[in-house]
Amino acid sequence: MLVLSNRIALRQQRAWIRPVQCYTTAATRSLQQPIRVRFAPSPTGYLHLGGLRTALFNYLLAKKTGGEFILRIEDTDQSRLVKGATEKLISVLSWSGIKADEGPIHGGSKGPYVQSERTELYRQHADQLIESGHAYRCFCTPERIDRIRKLGLKHGNQIGYDRHCAHLSENEINENMEKNLSFTVRMRTPEGETKVNDLVHGQVKFSNRLLDDGVLLKSDGFPTYHLANVVDDHMMGITHVLRGDEWLPSTPKHLILYNAFGWKAPQFAHLPLLMKPGGGKLSKRSNDAYVEHYINKGYFPEALNNFVALLGWSVPSGESEIITSMEELVDKFNVDNLNDSPAVVDVDKLGWINKQHLLNRAETAEGILSMANYLQPIVHDTFNKKLQDIDPEKKYTYRLETDYIGKVIEAVKERIRIIHDVPELCEYFFIEPDYTTEDAKTLKKKLKSKPKDIVFSDNSLEGLKALETFDTASINTYWQDVATSHDVNYNRIMPVLRFAMTGKGVGTSIPTTMEVLGKSTCLERLDKARNYL
């Protein structure tokens, strides 16, 4: 039995929603036939995590059923448009592996796919609603509307408009039209109630008495979301609408419009709100609410998809939450596992998920190479700036070969969560250690005299130089033998080597670090470090 959860957010907005207990049959929720879904963002800025989740769930549902995923740009609010936002949005979706079957780029038989190019279509349908009596022209000025709104708030009335123009006579309407008065088109809300059969929340009843006669067509001739999305979804053959929970209160208006046009409505699924770990809705003013923030941080697309998929959806019982590919997500996705409770955006969990994907990539040479190629320009930018800040006149060198960077990744993979951690945590693999930092000085104070003398003795250095095989196992065995021959604990030798190799108190194991650095670099660092001890 599905009921509207008491935990659903936006309670104040939904004070007028009446939850109804009902059974949702398998026939309602089991989606086998090919379906058509759409992702319809507004190009008003960066793509929000909630937007990526909506796009992803729609895409997964389409591919699960052998259907189509349509991208539609809803740019009817011209005052909020951001130049270049559409191109950036398409780029982010492409990065995520979400490719539209139809849309502004690929076209299709149901276009155009940009709402500002469909305005005449909306005007025609608004006229159709006026002629059928399901809508009317409203000549009220913005000042009057504002007075009504303020008066309603003062008296606790949630209805925004008093339907003044709904009762104008035909003569009054004609006179206003002859005067060329500005007008909007409003829907004429019928009496009674509207039932929404939602794939997530079950059946929800709305009292029409508490619905506003919402604006369908603005005075500038552009439609509002309510009219445009209904017309477009019908004209584009959309069978299922998956969108954010904040649109559930508007759904009865949309169903009323479908009935007014005599069209069959699509099935709806409203996805839960995204919340901050400490409570409260995830703010769009926060950088970590946007997908590009995570792209720039170096998270993998498959990891972010995995994380976002778990915000409002659960993997089948007993299965791992780590889903390594889009194909696997498609295979596992099912609307039966959509949740109605608000989802918490836990960035620590995202970090853990990304690490699992990083380790998965690192299992193959191809995966290591892909990460090395991605990391190469980041290493260059990081250390070029760092070294130039130290001495702009000096020419510095640092390791940039992809095979070398791949070895670094292999060595540090257990210590990092995102690929950008490599230059930040492991700079000693790329540039010479700075033995004058506070970290180096702290480590230096802990070093014992005898282990230092042993490590920097001519015999130890010559023996290291003579090693034919310079890998982790050989290096480890060599220093164990050195420690044993001098009756010193092996663990006293390692801090001395760590100082020489890294100048850091913590890091990857010293034998592994030395293997990656190579014999000649290790000998050079030992020679240099000796002067600081």
Protein backbone atom coordinates (compact mmCIF):
# COMPACT_ATOMS: atom_id res chain seq x y z
CA MET A 1 0.00 0.00 0.00
CA LEU A 2 1.40 3.37 -1.04
CA VAL A 3 0.51 6.52 0.84
CA LEU A 4 1.92 10.01 0.74
CA SER A 5 4.79 9.92 3.25
CA ASN A 6 4.65 12.22 6.27
CA ARG A 7 8.35 12.74 5.72
CA ILE A 8 7.95 14.40 2.34
CA ALA A 9 9.36 17.89 2.43
CA LEU A 10 7.64 21.07 1.39
CA ARG A 11 4.89 20.47 3.92
CA GLN A 12 3.89 24.12 3.90
CA GLN A 13 3.41 24.09 0.15
CA ARG A 14 1.32 20.95 0.47
CA ALA A 15 -0.93 21.84 3.35
CA TRP A 16 -3.80 21.47 0.92
CA ILE A 17 -2.86 18.00 -0.34
CA ARG A 18 -4.97 15.15 0.99
CA PRO A 19 -3.10 11.82 0.98
CA VAL A 20 -5.19 8.79 0.15
CA GLN A 21 -4.40 5.18 0.92
CA CYS A 22 -4.52 3.05 -2.18
CA TYR A 23 -3.07 -0.05 -3.72
CA THR A 24 -0.85 0.46 -6.75
CA THR A 25 -0.99 -2.71 -8.78
CA ALA A 26 1.91 -4.31 -10.59
CA ALA A 27 0.24 -3.37 -13.85
CA THR A 28 0.55 0.29 -12.88
CA ARG A 29 4.21 0.19 -11.88
CA SER A 30 5.66 -2.50 -14.09
CA LEU A 31 6.85 -0.69 -17.20
CA GLN A 32 7.58 -3.14 -20.00
CA GLN A 33 6.59 -1.32 -23.18
CA PRO A 34 8.96 1.11 -24.93
CA ILE A 35 8.32 4.50 -23.39
CA ARG A 36 9.15 8.10 -24.31
CA VAL A 37 10.49 10.36 -21.60
CA ARG A 38 12.01 13.82 -21.62
CA PHE A 39 14.42 15.94 -19.66
CA ALA A 40 13.35 19.56 -19.96
CA PRO A 41 15.72 21.92 -18.15
CA SER A 42 15.73 25.71 -18.24
CA PRO A 43 19.02 27.26 -19.43
CA THR A 44 19.29 29.57 -16.44
CA GLY A 45 22.70 28.46 -15.11
CA TYR A 46 24.66 25.38 -14.13
CA LEU A 47 23.12 21.91 -13.94
CA HIS A 48 22.09 21.03 -10.39
CA LEU A 49 22.59 17.55 -8.91
CA GLY A 50 18.82 17.24 -8.82
CA GLY A 51 18.70 18.01 -12.53
CA LEU A 52 21.31 15.35 -13.27
CA ARG A 53 19.30 12.84 -11.25
CA THR A 54 16.12 13.69 -13.16
CA ALA A 55 17.95 13.32 -16.48
CA LEU A 56 19.58 10.07 -15.37
CA PHE A 57 16.37 8.43 -14.14
CA ASN A 58 14.54 9.38 -17.33
CA TYR A 59 17.42 8.06 -19.43
CA LEU A 60 17.60 4.79 -17.47
CA LEU A 61 13.86 4.25 -17.77
CA ALA A 62 13.92 4.87 -21.52
CA LYS A 63 16.82 2.48 -22.12
CA LYS A 64 15.37 -0.11 -19.75
CA THR A 65 12.23 -0.36 -21.87
CA GLY A 66 13.82 0.16 -25.28
CA GLY A 67 12.25 3.61 -25.53
CA GLU A 68 13.46 7.13 -26.34
CA PHE A 69 14.99 9.89 -24.22
CA ILE A 70 14.21 13.41 -25.44
CA LEU A 71 16.03 16.59 -24.47
CA ARG A 72 13.87 19.71 -24.55
CA ILE A 73 15.04 23.20 -23.64
CA GLU A 74 12.44 25.20 -21.69
CA ASP A 75 13.53 28.80 -22.29
CA THR A 76 10.20 30.58 -22.12
CA ASP A 77 11.24 32.68 -19.10
CA GLN A 78 13.38 35.02 -21.18
CA SER A 79 14.33 37.20 -18.20
CA ARG A 80 16.31 34.38 -16.53
CA LEU A 81 18.22 33.01 -19.51
CA VAL A 82 22.00 32.70 -19.22
CA LYS A 83 24.05 32.92 -22.39
CA GLY A 84 25.83 29.66 -23.18
CA ALA A 85 23.90 27.69 -20.55
CA THR A 86 22.26 25.38 -23.10
CA GLU A 87 25.59 24.41 -24.65
CA LYS A 88 27.13 23.87 -21.22
CA LEU A 89 24.17 21.76 -20.13
CA ILE A 90 24.44 19.52 -23.19
CA SER A 91 28.19 19.20 -22.56
CA VAL A 92 27.64 18.10 -18.95
CA LEU A 93 25.04 15.52 -19.99
CA SER A 94 27.47 14.19 -22.59
CA TRP A 95 30.19 13.94 -19.91
CA SER A 96 27.75 11.92 -17.83
CA GLY A 97 27.09 9.53 -20.69
CA ILE A 98 23.49 10.69 -21.11
CA LYS A 99 22.83 11.01 -24.84
CA ALA A 100 19.49 12.24 -26.18
CA ASP A 101 17.72 10.30 -28.92
CA GLU A 102 16.01 13.53 -29.96
CA GLY A 103 16.76 17.13 -29.08
CA PRO A 104 18.27 20.45 -30.17
CA ILE A 105 21.48 18.80 -31.40
CA HIS A 106 20.25 15.57 -32.99
CA GLY A 107 16.85 16.84 -34.11
CA GLY A 108 13.88 14.51 -34.51
CA SER A 109 10.40 14.28 -35.95
CA LYS A 110 8.71 16.08 -33.02
CA GLY A 111 10.80 19.27 -33.02
CA PRO A 112 11.67 21.99 -32.64
CA TYR A 113 13.03 21.06 -29.20
CA VAL A 114 13.53 24.60 -27.91
CA GLN A 115 10.35 26.12 -26.49
CA SER A 116 11.06 29.68 -27.66
CA GLU A 117 10.80 28.28 -31.20
CA ARG A 118 7.32 26.88 -30.48
CA THR A 119 5.53 29.99 -29.21
CA GLU A 120 2.93 30.09 -31.99
CA LEU A 121 1.92 26.55 -31.08
CA TYR A 122 1.25 27.60 -27.48
CA ARG A 123 -0.79 30.62 -28.57
CA GLN A 124 -2.94 28.39 -30.76
CA HIS A 125 -3.63 26.04 -27.88
CA ALA A 126 -4.34 28.92 -25.51
CA ASP A 127 -6.93 30.21 -28.01
CA GLN A 128 -8.39 26.71 -28.20
CA LEU A 129 -8.86 26.67 -24.42
CA ILE A 130 -10.50 30.10 -24.49
CA GLU A 131 -12.91 28.99 -27.21
CA SER A 132 -13.85 25.86 -25.26
CA GLY A 133 -14.38 27.84 -22.04
CA HIS A 134 -11.46 26.23 -20.17
CA ALA A 135 -9.47 29.47 -20.09
CA TYR A 136 -10.08 33.22 -20.19
CA ARG A 137 -8.26 36.47 -20.84
CA CYS A 138 -7.21 38.39 -17.75
CA PHE A 139 -6.76 42.16 -18.14
CA CYS A 140 -5.78 42.84 -14.52
CA THR A 141 -2.69 45.00 -14.20
CA PRO A 142 0.40 43.76 -12.35
CA GLU A 143 -0.35 46.34 -9.66
CA ARG A 144 -3.83 44.91 -9.05
CA ILE A 145 -2.47 41.36 -8.99
CA ASP A 146 0.13 42.41 -6.42
CA ARG A 147 -2.54 44.04 -4.23
CA ILE A 148 -4.64 40.86 -4.36
CA ARG A 149 -1.63 38.75 -3.44
CA LYS A 150 -0.70 40.91 -0.47
CA LEU A 151 -4.30 41.03 0.73
CA GLY A 152 -4.52 37.26 0.48
CA LEU A 153 -1.34 36.79 2.48
CA LYS A 154 -2.65 39.15 5.13
CA HIS A 155 -5.80 37.07 5.57
CA GLY A 156 -4.08 33.68 5.21
CA ASN A 157 -5.59 33.02 1.80
CA GLN A 158 -3.36 30.81 -0.40
CA ILE A 159 -5.26 31.57 -3.59
CA GLY A 160 -3.39 34.14 -5.65
CA TYR A 161 -6.14 35.49 -7.91
CA ASP A 162 -9.77 36.45 -7.24
CA ARG A 163 -11.08 35.40 -10.71
CA HIS A 164 -12.24 38.94 -11.44
CA CYS A 165 -11.79 38.58 -15.21
CA ALA A 166 -13.38 35.13 -15.26
CA HIS A 167 -16.74 36.87 -15.05
CA LEU A 168 -16.29 39.53 -17.72
CA SER A 169 -19.01 39.68 -20.33
CA GLU A 170 -18.26 39.23 -24.02
CA ASN A 171 -18.84 42.95 -24.56
CA GLU A 172 -16.36 43.86 -21.80
CA ILE A 173 -13.77 41.53 -23.29
CA ASN A 174 -14.25 43.00 -26.77
CA GLU A 175 -13.96 46.56 -25.43
CA ASN A 176 -10.70 45.71 -23.68
CA MET A 177 -9.36 44.07 -26.83
CA GLU A 178 -10.31 47.14 -28.92
CA LYS A 179 -8.42 49.31 -26.41
CA ASN A 180 -5.42 47.05 -27.02
CA LEU A 181 -5.13 46.36 -23.29
CA SER A 182 -2.41 43.97 -22.23
CA PHE A 183 -3.71 40.60 -21.04
CA THR A 184 -2.68 37.17 -19.87
CA VAL A 185 -4.55 33.91 -20.40
CA ARG A 186 -5.62 32.04 -17.27
CA MET A 187 -6.94 28.51 -16.88
CA ARG A 188 -10.50 28.19 -15.58
CA THR A 189 -10.16 25.73 -12.72
CA PRO A 190 -13.22 23.47 -12.41
CA GLU A 191 -14.90 22.53 -9.15
CA GLY A 192 -14.34 19.20 -7.46
CA GLU A 193 -11.06 17.41 -6.89
CA THR A 194 -8.23 16.03 -8.98
CA LYS A 195 -6.56 12.68 -8.36
CA VAL A 196 -2.90 12.17 -9.21
CA ASN A 197 -1.80 8.56 -9.56
CA ASP A 198 1.91 8.88 -8.94
CA LEU A 199 4.41 6.05 -9.45
CA VAL A 200 6.30 7.11 -6.33
CA HIS A 201 3.66 8.45 -3.95
CA GLY A 202 0.63 6.45 -4.97
CA GLN A 203 -2.69 8.26 -5.32
CA VAL A 204 -2.93 11.83 -4.05
CA LYS A 205 -6.13 13.90 -4.04
CA PHE A 206 -6.15 17.67 -4.52
CA SER A 207 -9.11 19.94 -3.81
CA ASN A 208 -9.67 22.12 -6.89
CA ARG A 209 -11.18 24.74 -4.60
CA LEU A 210 -7.66 25.49 -3.40
CA LEU A 211 -6.08 25.75 -6.85
CA ASP A 212 -5.36 29.10 -8.44
CA ASP A 213 -6.56 30.05 -11.91
CA GLY A 214 -2.94 29.96 -13.00
CA VAL A 215 -1.53 31.98 -15.89
CA LEU A 216 -1.05 29.90 -19.05
CA LEU A 217 0.07 32.60 -21.45
CA LYS A 218 1.93 35.70 -20.28
CA SER A 219 1.35 39.19 -21.62
CA ASP A 220 4.53 38.93 -23.72
CA GLY A 221 3.04 35.99 -25.60
CA PHE A 222 5.28 33.41 -23.98
CA PRO A 223 3.67 30.46 -22.19
CA THR A 224 4.18 29.52 -18.57
CA TYR A 225 5.53 26.13 -17.63
CA HIS A 226 2.01 24.81 -17.03
CA LEU A 227 0.81 25.29 -20.60
CA ALA A 228 4.08 24.67 -22.43
CA ASN A 229 4.98 21.39 -20.75
CA VAL A 230 1.48 19.95 -21.25
CA VAL A 231 1.34 20.92 -24.92
CA ASP A 232 4.89 19.75 -25.59
CA ASP A 233 4.58 16.47 -23.72
CA HIS A 234 1.45 15.63 -25.70
CA MET A 235 2.80 16.76 -29.07
CA MET A 236 6.07 14.90 -28.49
CA GLY A 237 4.35 11.69 -27.44
CA ILE A 238 5.75 11.63 -23.91
CA THR A 239 4.35 8.63 -22.03
CA HIS A 240 6.01 9.10 -18.63
CA VAL A 241 7.10 12.21 -16.74
CA LEU A 242 9.78 11.82 -14.06
CA ARG A 243 10.53 15.12 -12.36
CA GLY A 244 11.32 16.69 -9.01
CA ASP A 245 9.01 16.46 -6.03
CA GLU A 246 8.48 20.23 -6.10
CA TRP A 247 6.24 19.78 -9.16
CA LEU A 248 3.75 17.47 -7.45
CA PRO A 249 1.55 20.38 -6.24
CA SER A 250 1.33 21.64 -9.85
CA THR A 251 0.34 18.28 -11.30
CA PRO A 252 -3.43 18.71 -10.76
CA LYS A 253 -3.28 21.85 -12.91
CA HIS A 254 -1.60 19.83 -15.63
CA LEU A 255 -4.16 17.05 -15.40
CA ILE A 256 -6.95 19.61 -15.65
CA LEU A 257 -5.35 20.91 -18.85
CA TYR A 258 -5.04 17.41 -20.28
CA ASN A 259 -8.74 16.90 -19.62
CA ALA A 260 -9.57 20.28 -21.15
CA PHE A 261 -7.76 19.35 -24.37
CA GLY A 262 -9.24 15.85 -24.35
CA TRP A 263 -5.77 14.27 -24.22
CA LYS A 264 -4.53 11.22 -22.34
CA ALA A 265 -2.12 12.28 -19.61
CA PRO A 266 1.27 10.59 -19.17
CA GLN A 267 2.14 8.65 -16.04
CA PHE A 268 3.89 10.75 -13.40
CA ALA A 269 6.68 9.96 -10.97
CA HIS A 270 7.84 12.69 -8.61
CA LEU A 271 11.32 12.23 -7.21
CA PRO A 272 12.19 13.11 -3.59
CA LEU A 273 13.90 16.31 -2.53
CA LEU A 274 17.66 16.46 -2.11
CA MET A 275 18.67 17.46 1.40
CA LYS A 276 21.87 18.62 3.09
CA PRO A 277 23.38 16.23 5.68
CA GLY A 278 22.48 18.61 8.51
CA GLY A 279 18.92 19.06 7.27
CA GLY A 280 17.33 21.56 4.96
CA LYS A 281 16.93 21.56 1.20
CA LEU A 282 20.11 21.45 -0.87
CA SER A 283 20.59 25.07 -1.89
CA LYS A 284 21.24 26.02 -5.50
CA ARG A 285 23.41 28.83 -4.15
CA SER A 286 25.96 26.31 -2.91
CA ASN A 287 28.76 25.29 -5.28
CA ASP A 288 28.56 21.66 -4.20
CA ALA A 289 25.00 21.52 -5.52
CA TYR A 290 26.22 21.72 -9.11
CA VAL A 291 27.52 18.96 -11.37
CA GLU A 292 30.37 21.07 -12.75
CA HIS A 293 31.77 21.41 -9.23
CA TYR A 294 32.32 17.65 -9.16
CA ILE A 295 33.63 17.53 -12.72
CA ASN A 296 36.24 20.17 -11.84
CA LYS A 297 37.16 18.27 -8.67
CA GLY A 298 38.01 15.18 -10.72
CA TYR A 299 35.16 12.82 -9.88
CA PHE A 300 34.51 10.16 -12.49
CA PRO A 301 31.25 10.35 -14.48
CA GLU A 302 30.37 6.73 -13.68
CA ALA A 303 30.94 7.42 -9.96
CA LEU A 304 28.77 10.55 -9.93
CA ASN A 305 26.05 8.69 -11.85
CA ASN A 306 26.28 5.86 -9.31
CA PHE A 307 25.98 8.32 -6.42
CA VAL A 308 23.14 10.34 -7.95
CA ALA A 309 21.21 7.16 -8.80
CA LEU A 310 21.17 6.29 -5.09
CA LEU A 311 19.51 9.61 -4.25
CA GLY A 312 15.93 8.40 -4.30
CA TRP A 313 16.44 4.90 -5.69
CA SER A 314 17.59 1.69 -4.01
CA VAL A 315 19.53 -1.17 -5.56
CA PRO A 316 17.76 -4.55 -5.53
CA SER A 317 17.94 -6.25 -2.15
CA GLY A 318 21.25 -7.91 -1.39
CA GLU A 319 23.13 -6.30 -4.28
CA SER A 320 26.13 -3.97 -4.10
CA GLU A 321 25.62 -0.21 -4.27
CA ILE A 322 28.70 0.08 -6.47
CA ILE A 323 27.50 0.10 -10.07
CA THR A 324 30.41 0.44 -12.45
CA SER A 325 28.79 1.38 -15.75
CA MET A 326 25.75 2.96 -17.37
CA GLU A 327 24.85 -0.43 -18.84
CA GLU A 328 24.74 -1.94 -15.36
CA LEU A 329 22.62 0.96 -14.10
CA VAL A 330 20.15 0.37 -16.93
CA ASP A 331 20.02 -3.32 -16.10
CA LYS A 332 19.36 -2.77 -12.39
CA PHE A 333 17.05 0.25 -12.59
CA ASN A 334 13.39 -0.27 -11.74
CA VAL A 335 10.71 2.26 -10.79
CA ASP A 336 9.55 -0.13 -8.07
CA ASN A 337 12.68 0.85 -6.13
CA LEU A 338 12.07 4.60 -6.25
CA ASN A 339 11.69 6.14 -2.78
CA ASP A 340 9.45 8.92 -1.55
CA SER A 341 11.66 10.04 1.35
CA PRO A 342 14.02 13.01 0.97
CA ALA A 343 17.52 11.94 -0.08
CA VAL A 344 20.60 13.22 1.74
CA VAL A 345 23.52 14.40 -0.40
CA ASP A 346 26.45 12.97 1.57
CA VAL A 347 29.67 14.08 -0.15
CA ASP A 348 31.69 11.68 2.01
CA LYS A 349 29.72 8.81 0.52
CA LEU A 350 30.38 10.19 -2.95
CA GLY A 351 34.09 10.18 -2.14
CA TRP A 352 33.90 6.55 -1.05
CA ILE A 353 31.96 5.60 -4.19
CA ASN A 354 34.47 7.42 -6.39
CA LYS A 355 37.31 5.53 -4.72
CA GLN A 356 35.66 2.21 -5.54
CA HIS A 357 35.37 3.30 -9.16
CA LEU A 358 38.99 4.47 -9.14
CA LEU A 359 40.11 1.07 -7.83
CA ASN A 360 37.97 -0.60 -10.47
CA ARG A 361 39.63 1.45 -13.22
CA ALA A 362 43.06 0.67 -11.78
CA GLU A 363 42.50 -3.06 -12.30
CA THR A 364 43.32 -2.76 -16.01
CA ALA A 365 46.18 -1.20 -17.95
CA GLU A 366 43.60 0.63 -20.06
CA GLY A 367 42.03 2.12 -16.93
CA ILE A 368 45.40 3.24 -15.56
CA LEU A 369 46.27 4.83 -18.90
CA SER A 370 42.95 6.70 -19.08
CA MET A 371 43.55 8.17 -15.62
CA ALA A 372 47.15 9.05 -16.48
CA ASN A 373 46.09 10.86 -19.65
CA TYR A 374 43.46 12.79 -17.68
CA LEU A 375 45.93 13.65 -14.91
CA GLN A 376 48.82 14.75 -17.14
CA PRO A 377 47.66 18.35 -17.83
CA ILE A 378 46.60 18.73 -14.19
CA VAL A 379 50.07 17.72 -13.01
CA HIS A 380 51.60 20.21 -15.44
CA ASP A 381 49.34 23.08 -14.38
CA THR A 382 49.75 22.32 -10.67
CA PHE A 383 53.53 22.16 -10.55
CA ASN A 384 54.24 24.75 -13.21
CA LYS A 385 52.39 27.31 -11.11
CA LYS A 386 53.86 26.07 -7.82
CA LEU A 387 57.45 26.16 -9.05
CA GLN A 388 57.11 29.47 -10.87
CA ASP A 389 55.78 31.00 -7.67
CA ILE A 390 58.98 29.88 -5.94
CA ASP A 391 61.40 31.24 -8.55
CA PRO A 392 60.03 32.65 -11.84
CA GLU A 393 63.53 32.86 -13.33
CA LYS A 394 64.50 29.25 -12.76
CA LYS A 395 63.67 26.46 -15.18
CA TYR A 396 62.21 23.48 -13.37
CA THR A 397 61.58 19.96 -14.56
CA TYR A 398 59.00 17.47 -13.36
CA ARG A 399 57.84 14.10 -14.54
CA LEU A 400 55.00 14.22 -17.07
CA GLU A 401 55.28 10.93 -18.97
CA THR A 402 51.95 9.10 -18.95
CA ASP A 403 53.57 5.75 -18.12
CA TYR A 404 55.26 7.36 -15.11
CA ILE A 405 52.03 9.02 -13.97
CA GLY A 406 50.35 5.63 -14.34
CA LYS A 407 52.92 4.11 -11.97
CA VAL A 408 52.22 6.87 -9.47
CA ILE A 409 48.48 6.19 -9.64
CA GLU A 410 49.07 2.47 -9.15
CA ALA A 411 51.23 3.23 -6.11
CA VAL A 412 48.83 5.65 -4.40
CA LYS A 413 45.43 4.27 -5.42
CA GLU A 414 44.62 3.04 -1.90
CA ARG A 415 45.33 6.48 -0.42
CA ILE A 416 43.22 8.66 -2.69
CA ARG A 417 39.52 9.16 -3.34
CA ILE A 418 39.61 11.38 -6.39
CA ILE A 419 42.26 11.60 -9.09
CA HIS A 420 42.99 15.23 -8.20
CA ASP A 421 44.35 14.00 -4.86
CA VAL A 422 47.48 12.76 -6.65
CA PRO A 423 49.30 16.08 -7.19
CA GLU A 424 48.01 17.43 -3.88
CA LEU A 425 49.02 14.50 -1.66
CA CYS A 426 51.94 13.09 -3.62
CA GLU A 427 53.96 15.98 -4.98
CA TYR A 428 57.21 14.20 -4.04
CA PHE A 429 56.68 11.92 -7.03
CA PHE A 430 56.90 14.89 -9.37
CA ILE A 431 59.23 17.48 -7.82
CA GLU A 432 62.17 17.38 -5.44
CA PRO A 433 61.28 17.29 -1.74
CA ASP A 434 61.61 20.48 0.27
CA TYR A 435 63.56 19.50 3.37
CA THR A 436 62.98 22.88 5.04
CA THR A 437 59.21 22.64 5.55
CA GLU A 438 57.71 22.26 9.01
CA ASP A 439 56.61 18.74 8.10
CA ALA A 440 60.18 17.81 7.13
CA LYS A 441 61.62 19.43 10.26
CA THR A 442 59.18 17.52 12.47
CA LEU A 443 60.16 14.24 10.85
CA LYS A 444 63.85 15.13 11.08
CA LYS A 445 63.61 15.55 14.86
CA LYS A 446 62.35 11.97 15.19
CA LEU A 447 65.27 10.39 13.33
CA LYS A 448 67.86 8.47 15.35
CA SER A 449 71.60 8.88 14.78
CA LYS A 450 72.49 5.25 14.18
CA PRO A 451 69.83 4.61 11.48
CA LYS A 452 70.89 7.85 9.77
CA ASP A 453 74.53 6.80 9.75
CA ILE A 454 73.60 3.39 8.35
CA VAL A 455 71.41 4.71 5.53
CA PHE A 456 73.96 7.30 4.40
CA SER A 457 77.02 5.10 4.74
CA ASP A 458 79.02 4.44 1.59
CA ASN A 459 78.38 0.71 1.88
CA SER A 460 74.59 1.16 2.03
CA LEU A 461 74.54 3.55 -0.91
CA GLU A 462 76.86 1.40 -3.00
CA GLY A 463 74.77 -1.66 -2.24
CA LEU A 464 71.61 0.17 -3.28
CA LYS A 465 73.29 1.35 -6.45
CA ALA A 466 74.34 -2.21 -7.26
CA LEU A 467 70.82 -3.66 -7.11
CA GLU A 468 70.06 -5.27 -10.46
CA THR A 469 66.31 -5.42 -9.88
CA PHE A 470 64.91 -2.18 -8.48
CA ASP A 471 61.35 -3.11 -7.53
CA THR A 472 59.38 -2.98 -4.29
CA ALA A 473 60.26 -6.51 -3.19
CA SER A 474 63.99 -6.16 -3.93
CA ILE A 475 64.22 -2.75 -2.24
CA ASN A 476 62.35 -4.02 0.81
CA THR A 477 64.61 -7.08 1.10
CA TYR A 478 67.73 -4.97 0.67
CA TRP A 479 66.94 -2.61 3.54
CA GLN A 480 65.81 -5.47 5.77
CA ASP A 481 69.21 -7.10 5.21
CA VAL A 482 70.98 -3.81 5.92
CA ALA A 483 69.04 -3.37 9.17
CA THR A 484 69.73 -6.93 10.27
CA SER A 485 73.46 -6.70 9.51
CA HIS A 486 73.73 -3.59 11.71
CA ASP A 487 71.46 -4.96 14.46
CA VAL A 488 68.94 -2.14 13.93
CA ASN A 489 65.18 -2.42 13.74
CA TYR A 490 63.99 -2.15 10.13
CA ASN A 491 61.29 0.29 11.25
CA ARG A 492 64.03 2.71 12.37
CA ILE A 493 65.51 2.72 8.88
CA MET A 494 62.28 3.60 7.08
CA PRO A 495 61.76 7.11 8.56
CA VAL A 496 65.25 8.11 7.41
CA LEU A 497 64.45 6.95 3.90
CA ARG A 498 61.06 8.67 4.04
CA PHE A 499 62.76 11.95 4.90
CA ALA A 500 65.16 11.55 1.98
CA MET A 501 62.59 10.40 -0.58
CA THR A 502 59.63 12.63 0.32
CA GLY A 503 60.37 15.15 3.06
CA LYS A 504 56.93 14.18 4.39
CA GLY A 505 55.85 12.50 7.59
CA VAL A 506 53.36 10.22 5.84
CA GLY A 507 52.92 8.77 2.39
CA THR A 508 53.06 5.60 0.35
CA SER A 509 55.31 2.77 1.52
CA ILE A 510 58.98 3.63 1.04
CA PRO A 511 59.94 0.57 -1.06
CA THR A 512 57.01 1.31 -3.39
CA THR A 513 57.90 5.01 -3.51
CA MET A 514 61.50 4.18 -4.37
CA GLU A 515 60.48 1.77 -7.12
CA VAL A 516 58.31 4.44 -8.77
CA LEU A 517 60.97 7.14 -8.44
CA GLY A 518 63.64 4.90 -9.93
CA LYS A 519 67.18 4.17 -8.82
CA SER A 520 68.89 7.30 -10.13
CA THR A 521 66.33 9.65 -8.55
CA CYS A 522 66.55 7.81 -5.23
CA LEU A 523 70.36 8.09 -5.17
CA GLU A 524 70.16 11.79 -6.04
CA ARG A 525 67.70 12.43 -3.21
CA LEU A 526 69.80 10.49 -0.72
CA ASP A 527 72.80 12.57 -1.68
CA LYS A 528 70.89 15.82 -1.30
CA ALA A 529 69.07 14.86 1.92
CA ARG A 530 72.40 14.04 3.62
CA ASN A 531 73.17 17.78 3.63
CA TYR A 532 70.05 18.53 5.70
CA LEU A 533 70.73 16.00 8.46
